[in-house]
Amino acid sequence: EEVANALRGHQDLLVITNNLNVAMQLYRQPKIEVIVAGGS
């Protein structure tokens, strides 16, 4: 999650995660696309 926090200034990233905390950190960044794994 600290890595995700430090990536917020990056551009043109595609991030796939199974960590909702990571998704919440990154989904508002306009240059980062976030895909969240589904499941429990």
Full PDB file with SEQRES, HELIX, SHEET, SSBOND, CRYST1, ORIGX, SCALE, CONECT and MASTER records, all heavy atoms in Angstrom:
SEQRES   1 A   40  GLU GLU VAL ALA ASN ALA LEU ARG GLY HIS GLN ASP LEU          
SEQRES   2 A   40  LEU VAL ILE THR ASN ASN LEU ASN VAL ALA MET GLN LEU          
SEQRES   3 A   40  TYR ARG GLN PRO LYS ILE GLU VAL ILE VAL ALA GLY GLY          
SEQRES   4 A   40  SER                                                          
HELIX    1 AA1 GLU A    2  ALA A    6  1                                   5    
HELIX    2 AA2 LEU A   20  LEU A   26  1                                   7    
SHEET    1 AA1 2 LEU A  13  THR A  17  0                                        
SHEET    2 AA1 2 ILE A  32  VAL A  36  1                                        
CRYST1    1.000    1.000    1.000  90.00  90.00  90.00 P 1           1          
ORIGX1      1.000000  0.000000  0.000000        0.00000                         
ORIGX2      0.000000  1.000000  0.000000        0.00000                         
ORIGX3      0.000000  0.000000  1.000000        0.00000                         
SCALE1      1.000000  0.000000  0.000000        0.00000                         
SCALE2      0.000000  1.000000  0.000000        0.00000                         
SCALE3      0.000000  0.000000  1.000000        0.00000                         
ATOM      1  N   GLU A   1       0.825  -1.209   0.000  1.00  0.00           N  
ATOM      2  CA  GLU A   1       0.000   0.000   0.000  1.00  0.00           C  
ATOM      3  C   GLU A   1       0.858   1.258   0.000  1.00  0.00           C  
ATOM      4  O   GLU A   1       0.481   2.277  -0.593  1.00  0.00           O  
ATOM      5  CB  GLU A   1      -0.950  -0.016   1.194  1.00  0.00           C  
ATOM      6  CG  GLU A   1      -2.053  -1.052   1.058  1.00  0.00           C  
ATOM      7  CD  GLU A   1      -2.847  -1.264   2.328  1.00  0.00           C  
ATOM      8  OE1 GLU A   1      -2.832  -0.351   3.187  1.00  0.00           O  
ATOM      9  OE2 GLU A   1      -3.480  -2.322   2.470  1.00  0.00           O  
ATOM     10  N   GLU A   2       2.016   1.204   0.643  1.00  0.00           N  
ATOM     11  CA  GLU A   2       2.928   2.350   0.611  1.00  0.00           C  
ATOM     12  C   GLU A   2       3.509   2.544  -0.796  1.00  0.00           C  
ATOM     13  O   GLU A   2       3.759   3.677  -1.221  1.00  0.00           O  
ATOM     14  CB  GLU A   2       4.053   2.173   1.634  1.00  0.00           C  
ATOM     15  CG  GLU A   2       3.610   2.289   3.077  1.00  0.00           C  
ATOM     16  CD  GLU A   2       3.110   3.684   3.451  1.00  0.00           C  
ATOM     17  OE1 GLU A   2       3.361   4.641   2.691  1.00  0.00           O  
ATOM     18  OE2 GLU A   2       2.472   3.814   4.503  1.00  0.00           O  
ATOM     19  N   VAL A   3       3.716   1.450  -1.509  1.00  0.00           N  
ATOM     20  CA  VAL A   3       4.154   1.571  -2.900  1.00  0.00           C  
ATOM     21  C   VAL A   3       3.077   2.270  -3.718  1.00  0.00           C  
ATOM     22  O   VAL A   3       3.354   3.192  -4.497  1.00  0.00           O  
ATOM     23  CB  VAL A   3       4.477   0.193  -3.509  1.00  0.00           C  
ATOM     24  CG1 VAL A   3       4.963   0.358  -4.958  1.00  0.00           C  
ATOM     25  CG2 VAL A   3       5.532  -0.539  -2.685  1.00  0.00           C  
ATOM     26  N   ALA A   4       1.831   1.851  -3.550  1.00  0.00           N  
ATOM     27  CA  ALA A   4       0.720   2.477  -4.269  1.00  0.00           C  
ATOM     28  C   ALA A   4       0.648   3.965  -3.970  1.00  0.00           C  
ATOM     29  O   ALA A   4       0.452   4.793  -4.875  1.00  0.00           O  
ATOM     30  CB  ALA A   4      -0.594   1.789  -3.902  1.00  0.00           C  
ATOM     31  N   ASN A   5       0.813   4.317  -2.714  1.00  0.00           N  
ATOM     32  CA  ASN A   5       0.776   5.722  -2.331  1.00  0.00           C  
ATOM     33  C   ASN A   5       1.859   6.522  -3.058  1.00  0.00           C  
ATOM     34  O   ASN A   5       1.630   7.645  -3.515  1.00  0.00           O  
ATOM     35  CB  ASN A   5       0.953   5.848  -0.821  1.00  0.00           C  
ATOM     36  CG  ASN A   5       0.811   7.272  -0.334  1.00  0.00           C  
ATOM     37  OD1 ASN A   5      -0.204   7.930  -0.548  1.00  0.00           O  
ATOM     38  ND2 ASN A   5       1.836   7.763   0.334  1.00  0.00           N  
ATOM     39  N   ALA A   6       3.040   5.923  -3.192  1.00  0.00           N  
ATOM     40  CA  ALA A   6       4.153   6.600  -3.861  1.00  0.00           C  
ATOM     41  C   ALA A   6       4.014   6.627  -5.379  1.00  0.00           C  
ATOM     42  O   ALA A   6       4.718   7.377  -6.054  1.00  0.00           O  
ATOM     43  CB  ALA A   6       5.477   5.933  -3.466  1.00  0.00           C  
ATOM     44  N   LEU A   7       3.113   5.828  -5.919  1.00  0.00           N  
ATOM     45  CA  LEU A   7       2.898   5.788  -7.377  1.00  0.00           C  
ATOM     46  C   LEU A   7       1.898   6.829  -7.863  1.00  0.00           C  
ATOM     47  O   LEU A   7       1.677   6.951  -9.072  1.00  0.00           O  
ATOM     48  CB  LEU A   7       2.385   4.399  -7.793  1.00  0.00           C  
ATOM     49  CG  LEU A   7       3.407   3.258  -7.824  1.00  0.00           C  
ATOM     50  CD1 LEU A   7       2.685   1.937  -8.025  1.00  0.00           C  
ATOM     51  CD2 LEU A   7       4.443   3.469  -8.927  1.00  0.00           C  
ATOM     52  N   ARG A   8       1.300   7.579  -6.978  1.00  0.00           N  
ATOM     53  CA  ARG A   8       0.204   8.464  -7.372  1.00  0.00           C  
ATOM     54  C   ARG A   8       0.622   9.527  -8.387  1.00  0.00           C  
ATOM     55  O   ARG A   8      -0.209  10.022  -9.134  1.00  0.00           O  
ATOM     56  CB  ARG A   8      -0.423   9.113  -6.142  1.00  0.00           C  
ATOM     57  CG  ARG A   8      -1.224   8.132  -5.289  1.00  0.00           C  
ATOM     58  CD  ARG A   8      -1.938   8.820  -4.164  1.00  0.00           C  
ATOM     59  NE  ARG A   8      -0.991   9.438  -3.240  1.00  0.00           N  
ATOM     60  CZ  ARG A   8      -1.359  10.209  -2.214  1.00  0.00           C  
ATOM     61  NH1 ARG A   8      -2.642  10.469  -2.009  1.00  0.00           N  
ATOM     62  NH2 ARG A   8      -0.448  10.731  -1.413  1.00  0.00           N  
ATOM     63  N   GLY A   9       1.894   9.856  -8.419  1.00  0.00           N  
ATOM     64  CA  GLY A   9       2.365  10.845  -9.387  1.00  0.00           C  
ATOM     65  C   GLY A   9       2.755  10.257 -10.726  1.00  0.00           C  
ATOM     66  O   GLY A   9       3.119  10.996 -11.650  1.00  0.00           O  
ATOM     67  N   HIS A  10       2.704   8.938 -10.869  1.00  0.00           N  
ATOM     68  CA  HIS A  10       3.055   8.296 -12.137  1.00  0.00           C  
ATOM     69  C   HIS A  10       1.963   8.544 -13.188  1.00  0.00           C  
ATOM     70  O   HIS A  10       0.839   8.907 -12.863  1.00  0.00           O  
ATOM     71  CB  HIS A  10       3.238   6.789 -11.934  1.00  0.00           C  
ATOM     72  CG  HIS A  10       4.593   6.412 -11.416  1.00  0.00           C  
ATOM     73  ND1 HIS A  10       5.143   6.958 -10.280  1.00  0.00           N  
ATOM     74  CD2 HIS A  10       5.520   5.527 -11.893  1.00  0.00           C  
ATOM     75  CE1 HIS A  10       6.339   6.425 -10.064  1.00  0.00           C  
ATOM     76  NE2 HIS A  10       6.594   5.556 -11.035  1.00  0.00           N  
ATOM     77  N   GLN A  11       2.331   8.298 -14.441  1.00  0.00           N  
ATOM     78  CA  GLN A  11       1.399   8.506 -15.541  1.00  0.00           C  
ATOM     79  C   GLN A  11       1.268   7.250 -16.382  1.00  0.00           C  
ATOM     80  O   GLN A  11       2.227   6.484 -16.534  1.00  0.00           O  
ATOM     81  CB  GLN A  11       1.858   9.675 -16.424  1.00  0.00           C  
ATOM     82  CG  GLN A  11       1.907  11.004 -15.686  1.00  0.00           C  
ATOM     83  CD  GLN A  11       2.215  12.161 -16.609  1.00  0.00           C  
ATOM     84  OE1 GLN A  11       2.241  12.004 -17.822  1.00  0.00           O  
ATOM     85  NE2 GLN A  11       2.433  13.333 -16.035  1.00  0.00           N  
ATOM     86  N   ASP A  12       0.067   7.081 -16.919  1.00  0.00           N  
ATOM     87  CA  ASP A  12      -0.216   6.012 -17.880  1.00  0.00           C  
ATOM     88  C   ASP A  12       0.097   4.628 -17.317  1.00  0.00           C  
ATOM     89  O   ASP A  12       0.718   3.794 -17.978  1.00  0.00           O  
ATOM     90  CB  ASP A  12       0.558   6.249 -19.186  1.00  0.00           C  
ATOM     91  CG  ASP A  12       0.212   7.593 -19.813  1.00  0.00           C  
ATOM     92  OD1 ASP A  12      -0.974   7.978 -19.765  1.00  0.00           O  
ATOM     93  OD2 ASP A  12       1.128   8.261 -20.318  1.00  0.00           O  
ATOM     94  N   LEU A  13      -0.359   4.389 -16.095  1.00  0.00           N  
ATOM     95  CA  LEU A  13      -0.206   3.075 -15.486  1.00  0.00           C  
ATOM     96  C   LEU A  13      -1.525   2.308 -15.570  1.00  0.00           C  
ATOM     97  O   LEU A  13      -2.603   2.888 -15.474  1.00  0.00           O  
ATOM     98  CB  LEU A  13       0.180   3.183 -14.008  1.00  0.00           C  
ATOM     99  CG  LEU A  13       1.519   3.795 -13.641  1.00  0.00           C  
ATOM    100  CD1 LEU A  13       1.723   3.717 -12.131  1.00  0.00           C  
ATOM    101  CD2 LEU A  13       2.674   3.142 -14.385  1.00  0.00           C  
ATOM    102  N   LEU A  14      -1.395   1.001 -15.729  1.00  0.00           N  
ATOM    103  CA  LEU A  14      -2.518   0.082 -15.551  1.00  0.00           C  
ATOM    104  C   LEU A  14      -2.211  -0.743 -14.314  1.00  0.00           C  
ATOM    105  O   LEU A  14      -1.222  -1.480 -14.283  1.00  0.00           O  
ATOM    106  CB  LEU A  14      -2.698  -0.828 -16.766  1.00  0.00           C  
ATOM    107  CG  LEU A  14      -3.719  -1.964 -16.595  1.00  0.00           C  
ATOM    108  CD1 LEU A  14      -5.124  -1.404 -16.360  1.00  0.00           C  
ATOM    109  CD2 LEU A  14      -3.694  -2.897 -17.802  1.00  0.00           C  
ATOM    110  N   VAL A  15      -3.040  -0.606 -13.285  1.00  0.00           N  
ATOM    111  CA  VAL A  15      -2.817  -1.299 -12.017  1.00  0.00           C  
ATOM    112  C   VAL A  15      -3.946  -2.296 -11.794  1.00  0.00           C  
ATOM    113  O   VAL A  15      -5.123  -1.921 -11.778  1.00  0.00           O  
ATOM    114  CB  VAL A  15      -2.754  -0.309 -10.839  1.00  0.00           C  
ATOM    115  CG1 VAL A  15      -2.639  -1.066  -9.512  1.00  0.00           C  
ATOM    116  CG2 VAL A  15      -1.592   0.654 -11.006  1.00  0.00           C  
ATOM    117  N   ILE A  16      -3.579  -3.561 -11.635  1.00  0.00           N  
ATOM    118  CA  ILE A  16      -4.543  -4.604 -11.279  1.00  0.00           C  
ATOM    119  C   ILE A  16      -4.250  -5.013  -9.843  1.00  0.00           C  
ATOM    120  O   ILE A  16      -3.097  -5.318  -9.505  1.00  0.00           O  
ATOM    121  CB  ILE A  16      -4.434  -5.830 -12.211  1.00  0.00           C  
ATOM    122  CG1 ILE A  16      -4.641  -5.426 -13.668  1.00  0.00           C  
ATOM    123  CG2 ILE A  16      -5.445  -6.898 -11.815  1.00  0.00           C  
ATOM    124  CD1 ILE A  16      -3.362  -5.258 -14.451  1.00  0.00           C  
ATOM    125  N   THR A  17      -5.266  -4.999  -9.002  1.00  0.00           N  
ATOM    126  CA  THR A  17      -5.019  -5.266  -7.590  1.00  0.00           C  
ATOM    127  C   THR A  17      -6.152  -6.068  -6.969  1.00  0.00           C  
ATOM    128  O   THR A  17      -7.309  -5.982  -7.409  1.00  0.00           O  
ATOM    129  CB  THR A  17      -4.820  -3.945  -6.813  1.00  0.00           C  
ATOM    130  OG1 THR A  17      -4.472  -4.238  -5.451  1.00  0.00           O  
ATOM    131  CG2 THR A  17      -6.065  -3.076  -6.849  1.00  0.00           C  
ATOM    132  N   ASN A  18      -5.818  -6.824  -5.948  1.00  0.00           N  
ATOM    133  CA  ASN A  18      -6.816  -7.490  -5.109  1.00  0.00           C  
ATOM    134  C   ASN A  18      -6.800  -6.885  -3.709  1.00  0.00           C  
ATOM    135  O   ASN A  18      -7.143  -7.541  -2.730  1.00  0.00           O  
ATOM    136  CB  ASN A  18      -6.579  -8.999  -5.050  1.00  0.00           C  
ATOM    137  CG  ASN A  18      -5.237  -9.357  -4.452  1.00  0.00           C  
ATOM    138  OD1 ASN A  18      -4.269  -8.588  -4.533  1.00  0.00           O  
ATOM    139  ND2 ASN A  18      -5.144 -10.543  -3.865  1.00  0.00           N  
ATOM    140  N   ASN A  19      -6.433  -5.610  -3.648  1.00  0.00           N  
ATOM    141  CA  ASN A  19      -6.325  -4.879  -2.396  1.00  0.00           C  
ATOM    142  C   ASN A  19      -7.183  -3.616  -2.505  1.00  0.00           C  
ATOM    143  O   ASN A  19      -6.842  -2.689  -3.251  1.00  0.00           O  
ATOM    144  CB  ASN A  19      -4.847  -4.519  -2.153  1.00  0.00           C  
ATOM    145  CG  ASN A  19      -4.619  -3.841  -0.814  1.00  0.00           C  
ATOM    146  OD1 ASN A  19      -5.486  -3.194  -0.267  1.00  0.00           O  
ATOM    147  ND2 ASN A  19      -3.393  -3.976  -0.311  1.00  0.00           N  
ATOM    148  N   LEU A  20      -8.306  -3.574  -1.801  1.00  0.00           N  
ATOM    149  CA  LEU A  20      -9.199  -2.423  -1.897  1.00  0.00           C  
ATOM    150  C   LEU A  20      -8.544  -1.135  -1.423  1.00  0.00           C  
ATOM    151  O   LEU A  20      -8.863  -0.047  -1.914  1.00  0.00           O  
ATOM    152  CB  LEU A  20     -10.474  -2.676  -1.090  1.00  0.00           C  
ATOM    153  CG  LEU A  20     -11.432  -3.753  -1.607  1.00  0.00           C  
ATOM    154  CD1 LEU A  20     -12.716  -3.738  -0.792  1.00  0.00           C  
ATOM    155  CD2 LEU A  20     -11.745  -3.555  -3.082  1.00  0.00           C  
ATOM    156  N   ASN A  21      -7.616  -1.234  -0.481  1.00  0.00           N  
ATOM    157  CA  ASN A  21      -6.917  -0.037  -0.004  1.00  0.00           C  
ATOM    158  C   ASN A  21      -6.057   0.562  -1.109  1.00  0.00           C  
ATOM    159  O   ASN A  21      -5.967   1.785  -1.248  1.00  0.00           O  
ATOM    160  CB  ASN A  21      -6.065  -0.381   1.213  1.00  0.00           C  
ATOM    161  CG  ASN A  21      -6.901  -0.901   2.372  1.00  0.00           C  
ATOM    162  OD1 ASN A  21      -7.821  -0.236   2.833  1.00  0.00           O  
ATOM    163  ND2 ASN A  21      -6.599  -2.099   2.825  1.00  0.00           N  
ATOM    164  N   VAL A  22      -5.423  -0.280  -1.913  1.00  0.00           N  
ATOM    165  CA  VAL A  22      -4.648   0.196  -3.057  1.00  0.00           C  
ATOM    166  C   VAL A  22      -5.565   0.872  -4.071  1.00  0.00           C  
ATOM    167  O   VAL A  22      -5.265   1.954  -4.593  1.00  0.00           O  
ATOM    168  CB  VAL A  22      -3.882  -0.977  -3.712  1.00  0.00           C  
ATOM    169  CG1 VAL A  22      -3.332  -0.581  -5.082  1.00  0.00           C  
ATOM    170  CG2 VAL A  22      -2.746  -1.426  -2.806  1.00  0.00           C  
ATOM    171  N   ALA A  23      -6.690   0.235  -4.359  1.00  0.00           N  
ATOM    172  CA  ALA A  23      -7.637   0.813  -5.317  1.00  0.00           C  
ATOM    173  C   ALA A  23      -8.123   2.180  -4.856  1.00  0.00           C  
ATOM    174  O   ALA A  23      -8.225   3.125  -5.661  1.00  0.00           O  
ATOM    175  CB  ALA A  23      -8.815  -0.134  -5.513  1.00  0.00           C  
ATOM    176  N   MET A  24      -8.405   2.327  -3.564  1.00  0.00           N  
ATOM    177  CA  MET A  24      -8.880   3.604  -3.039  1.00  0.00           C  
ATOM    178  C   MET A  24      -7.806   4.678  -3.138  1.00  0.00           C  
ATOM    179  O   MET A  24      -8.110   5.862  -3.329  1.00  0.00           O  
ATOM    180  CB  MET A  24      -9.328   3.435  -1.583  1.00  0.00           C  
ATOM    181  CG  MET A  24     -10.580   2.593  -1.424  1.00  0.00           C  
ATOM    182  SD  MET A  24     -12.020   3.341  -2.232  1.00  0.00           S  
ATOM    183  CE  MET A  24     -12.265   4.785  -1.195  1.00  0.00           C  
ATOM    184  N   GLN A  25      -6.556   4.305  -3.025  1.00  0.00           N  
ATOM    185  CA  GLN A  25      -5.468   5.271  -3.132  1.00  0.00           C  
ATOM    186  C   GLN A  25      -5.289   5.772  -4.561  1.00  0.00           C  
ATOM    187  O   GLN A  25      -4.901   6.923  -4.770  1.00  0.00           O  
ATOM    188  CB  GLN A  25      -4.155   4.643  -2.646  1.00  0.00           C  
ATOM    189  CG  GLN A  25      -4.057   4.485  -1.147  1.00  0.00           C  
ATOM    190  CD  GLN A  25      -2.758   3.811  -0.744  1.00  0.00           C  
ATOM    191  OE1 GLN A  25      -2.292   2.886  -1.401  1.00  0.00           O  
ATOM    192  NE2 GLN A  25      -2.159   4.275   0.328  1.00  0.00           N  
ATOM    193  N   LEU A  26      -5.569   4.916  -5.543  1.00  0.00           N  
ATOM    194  CA  LEU A  26      -5.172   5.223  -6.915  1.00  0.00           C  
ATOM    195  C   LEU A  26      -6.315   5.579  -7.869  1.00  0.00           C  
ATOM    196  O   LEU A  26      -6.065   6.185  -8.913  1.00  0.00           O  
ATOM    197  CB  LEU A  26      -4.400   4.030  -7.503  1.00  0.00           C  
ATOM    198  CG  LEU A  26      -3.062   3.702  -6.839  1.00  0.00           C  
ATOM    199  CD1 LEU A  26      -2.439   2.481  -7.501  1.00  0.00           C  
ATOM    200  CD2 LEU A  26      -2.101   4.882  -6.910  1.00  0.00           C  
ATOM    201  N   TYR A  27      -7.545   5.235  -7.535  1.00  0.00           N  
ATOM    202  CA  TYR A  27      -8.591   5.340  -8.566  1.00  0.00           C  
ATOM    203  C   TYR A  27      -8.894   6.778  -8.954  1.00  0.00           C  
ATOM    204  O   TYR A  27      -9.399   7.032 -10.057  1.00  0.00           O  
ATOM    205  CB  TYR A  27      -9.861   4.609  -8.128  1.00  0.00           C  
ATOM    206  CG  TYR A  27     -10.779   5.393  -7.223  1.00  0.00           C  
ATOM    207  CD1 TYR A  27     -11.866   6.114  -7.743  1.00  0.00           C  
ATOM    208  CD2 TYR A  27     -10.579   5.430  -5.842  1.00  0.00           C  
ATOM    209  CE1 TYR A  27     -12.714   6.833  -6.915  1.00  0.00           C  
ATOM    210  CE2 TYR A  27     -11.417   6.140  -5.024  1.00  0.00           C  
ATOM    211  CZ  TYR A  27     -12.482   6.841  -5.552  1.00  0.00           C  
ATOM    212  OH  TYR A  27     -13.318   7.550  -4.731  1.00  0.00           O  
ATOM    213  N   ARG A  28      -8.590   7.736  -8.106  1.00  0.00           N  
ATOM    214  CA  ARG A  28      -8.846   9.138  -8.447  1.00  0.00           C  
ATOM    215  C   ARG A  28      -7.749   9.750  -9.324  1.00  0.00           C  
ATOM    216  O   ARG A  28      -7.925  10.864  -9.824  1.00  0.00           O  
ATOM    217  CB  ARG A  28      -8.976   9.972  -7.168  1.00  0.00           C  
ATOM    218  CG  ARG A  28     -10.253   9.727  -6.380  1.00  0.00           C  
ATOM    219  CD  ARG A  28     -10.390  10.751  -5.271  1.00  0.00           C  
ATOM    220  NE  ARG A  28     -11.651  10.603  -4.562  1.00  0.00           N  
ATOM    221  CZ  ARG A  28     -11.794   9.883  -3.456  1.00  0.00           C  
ATOM    222  NH1 ARG A  28     -10.761   9.233  -2.958  1.00  0.00           N  
ATOM    223  NH2 ARG A  28     -12.965   9.813  -2.853  1.00  0.00           N  
ATOM    224  N   GLN A  29      -6.651   9.044  -9.507  1.00  0.00           N  
ATOM    225  CA  GLN A  29      -5.551   9.594 -10.295  1.00  0.00           C  
ATOM    226  C   GLN A  29      -5.905   9.516 -11.782  1.00  0.00           C  
ATOM    227  O   GLN A  29      -6.133   8.412 -12.305  1.00  0.00           O  
ATOM    228  CB  GLN A  29      -4.254   8.837 -10.005  1.00  0.00           C  
ATOM    229  CG  GLN A  29      -3.871   8.798  -8.532  1.00  0.00           C  
ATOM    230  CD  GLN A  29      -3.806  10.179  -7.908  1.00  0.00           C  
ATOM    231  OE1 GLN A  29      -3.205  11.095  -8.455  1.00  0.00           O  
ATOM    232  NE2 GLN A  29      -4.433  10.328  -6.741  1.00  0.00           N  
ATOM    233  N   PRO A  30      -5.937  10.636 -12.483  1.00  0.00           N  
ATOM    234  CA  PRO A  30      -6.429  10.632 -13.874  1.00  0.00           C  
ATOM    235  C   PRO A  30      -5.548   9.865 -14.847  1.00  0.00           C  
ATOM    236  O   PRO A  30      -6.022   9.449 -15.907  1.00  0.00           O  
ATOM    237  CB  PRO A  30      -6.487  12.119 -14.230  1.00  0.00           C  
ATOM    238  CG  PRO A  30      -5.528  12.785 -13.287  1.00  0.00           C  
ATOM    239  CD  PRO A  30      -5.592  11.994 -12.020  1.00  0.00           C  
ATOM    240  N   LYS A  31      -4.281   9.665 -14.496  1.00  0.00           N  
ATOM    241  CA  LYS A  31      -3.356   8.991 -15.398  1.00  0.00           C  
ATOM    242  C   LYS A  31      -3.106   7.535 -15.007  1.00  0.00           C  
ATOM    243  O   LYS A  31      -2.187   6.894 -15.515  1.00  0.00           O  
ATOM    244  CB  LYS A  31      -2.017   9.739 -15.435  1.00  0.00           C  
ATOM    245  CG  LYS A  31      -2.112  11.153 -15.986  1.00  0.00           C  
ATOM    246  CD  LYS A  31      -2.482  11.148 -17.461  1.00  0.00           C  
ATOM    247  CE  LYS A  31      -2.453  12.552 -18.042  1.00  0.00           C  
ATOM    248  NZ  LYS A  31      -2.780  12.548 -19.498  1.00  0.00           N  
ATOM    249  N   ILE A  32      -3.914   7.022 -14.085  1.00  0.00           N  
ATOM    250  CA  ILE A  32      -3.765   5.640 -13.641  1.00  0.00           C  
ATOM    251  C   ILE A  32      -5.103   4.924 -13.775  1.00  0.00           C  
ATOM    252  O   ILE A  32      -6.109   5.358 -13.212  1.00  0.00           O  
ATOM    253  CB  ILE A  32      -3.262   5.551 -12.187  1.00  0.00           C  
ATOM    254  CG1 ILE A  32      -1.906   6.242 -12.045  1.00  0.00           C  
ATOM    255  CG2 ILE A  32      -3.177   4.096 -11.724  1.00  0.00           C  
ATOM    256  CD1 ILE A  32      -1.377   6.271 -10.618  1.00  0.00           C  
ATOM    257  N   GLU A  33      -5.115   3.837 -14.541  1.00  0.00           N  
ATOM    258  CA  GLU A  33      -6.314   3.008 -14.644  1.00  0.00           C  
ATOM    259  C   GLU A  33      -6.213   1.873 -13.626  1.00  0.00           C  
ATOM    260  O   GLU A  33      -5.182   1.204 -13.537  1.00  0.00           O  
ATOM    261  CB  GLU A  33      -6.454   2.429 -16.051  1.00  0.00           C  
ATOM    262  CG  GLU A  33      -7.706   1.576 -16.225  1.00  0.00           C  
ATOM    263  CD  GLU A  33      -7.864   1.005 -17.620  1.00  0.00           C  
ATOM    264  OE1 GLU A  33      -7.045   1.351 -18.497  1.00  0.00           O  
ATOM    265  OE2 GLU A  33      -8.789   0.204 -17.833  1.00  0.00           O  
ATOM    266  N   VAL A  34      -7.277   1.669 -12.883  1.00  0.00           N  
ATOM    267  CA  VAL A  34      -7.276   0.660 -11.821  1.00  0.00           C  
ATOM    268  C   VAL A  34      -8.323  -0.406 -12.133  1.00  0.00           C  
ATOM    269  O   VAL A  34      -9.475  -0.091 -12.433  1.00  0.00           O  
ATOM    270  CB  VAL A  34      -7.581   1.292 -10.451  1.00  0.00           C  
ATOM    271  CG1 VAL A  34      -7.621   0.214  -9.365  1.00  0.00           C  
ATOM    272  CG2 VAL A  34      -6.542   2.354 -10.105  1.00  0.00           C  
ATOM    273  N   ILE A  35      -7.901  -1.661 -12.065  1.00  0.00           N  
ATOM    274  CA  ILE A  35      -8.807  -2.794 -12.186  1.00  0.00           C  
ATOM    275  C   ILE A  35      -8.745  -3.575 -10.880  1.00  0.00           C  
ATOM    276  O   ILE A  35      -7.659  -3.953 -10.421  1.00  0.00           O  
ATOM    277  CB  ILE A  35      -8.420  -3.704 -13.373  1.00  0.00           C  
ATOM    278  CG1 ILE A  35      -8.545  -2.935 -14.683  1.00  0.00           C  
ATOM    279  CG2 ILE A  35      -9.295  -4.956 -13.393  1.00  0.00           C  
ATOM    280  CD1 ILE A  35      -8.080  -3.710 -15.901  1.00  0.00           C  
ATOM    281  N   VAL A  36      -9.915  -3.806 -10.282  1.00  0.00           N  
ATOM    282  CA  VAL A  36      -9.979  -4.499  -8.997  1.00  0.00           C  
ATOM    283  C   VAL A  36     -10.479  -5.921  -9.218  1.00  0.00           C  
ATOM    284  O   VAL A  36     -11.502  -6.129  -9.887  1.00  0.00           O  
ATOM    285  CB  VAL A  36     -10.910  -3.767  -8.017  1.00  0.00           C  
ATOM    286  CG1 VAL A  36     -10.950  -4.495  -6.670  1.00  0.00           C  
ATOM    287  CG2 VAL A  36     -10.454  -2.328  -7.826  1.00  0.00           C  
ATOM    288  N   ALA A  37      -9.766  -6.887  -8.682  1.00  0.00           N  
ATOM    289  CA  ALA A  37     -10.194  -8.283  -8.756  1.00  0.00           C  
ATOM    290  C   ALA A  37     -11.496  -8.462  -7.987  1.00  0.00           C  
ATOM    291  O   ALA A  37     -11.704  -7.845  -6.929  1.00  0.00           O  
ATOM    292  CB  ALA A  37      -9.114  -9.191  -8.189  1.00  0.00           C  
ATOM    293  N   GLY A  38     -12.392  -9.288  -8.523  1.00  0.00           N  
ATOM    294  CA  GLY A  38     -13.652  -9.552  -7.856  1.00  0.00           C  
ATOM    295  C   GLY A  38     -13.545 -10.735  -6.909  1.00  0.00           C  
ATOM    296  O   GLY A  38     -12.629 -11.552  -7.008  1.00  0.00           O  
ATOM    297  N   GLY A  39     -14.481 -10.813  -6.000  1.00  0.00           N  
ATOM    298  CA  GLY A  39     -14.490 -11.937  -5.076  1.00  0.00           C  
ATOM    299  C   GLY A  39     -14.863 -11.496  -3.676  1.00  0.00           C  
ATOM    300  O   GLY A  39     -15.322 -10.368  -3.455  1.00  0.00           O  
ATOM    301  N   SER A  40     -14.668 -12.375  -2.714  1.00  0.00           N  
ATOM    302  CA  SER A  40     -14.978 -12.082  -1.317  1.00  0.00           C  
ATOM    303  C   SER A  40     -13.987 -11.080  -0.753  1.00  0.00           C  
ATOM    304  O   SER A  40     -12.778 -11.189  -0.976  1.00  0.00           O  
ATOM    305  CB  SER A  40     -14.921 -13.368  -0.481  1.00  0.00           C  
ATOM    306  OG  SER A  40     -15.856 -14.314  -0.954  1.00  0.00           O  
TER     307      SER A  40                                                      
MASTER        0    0    0    2    2    0    0    6  306    1    0    4          
END                                                                             
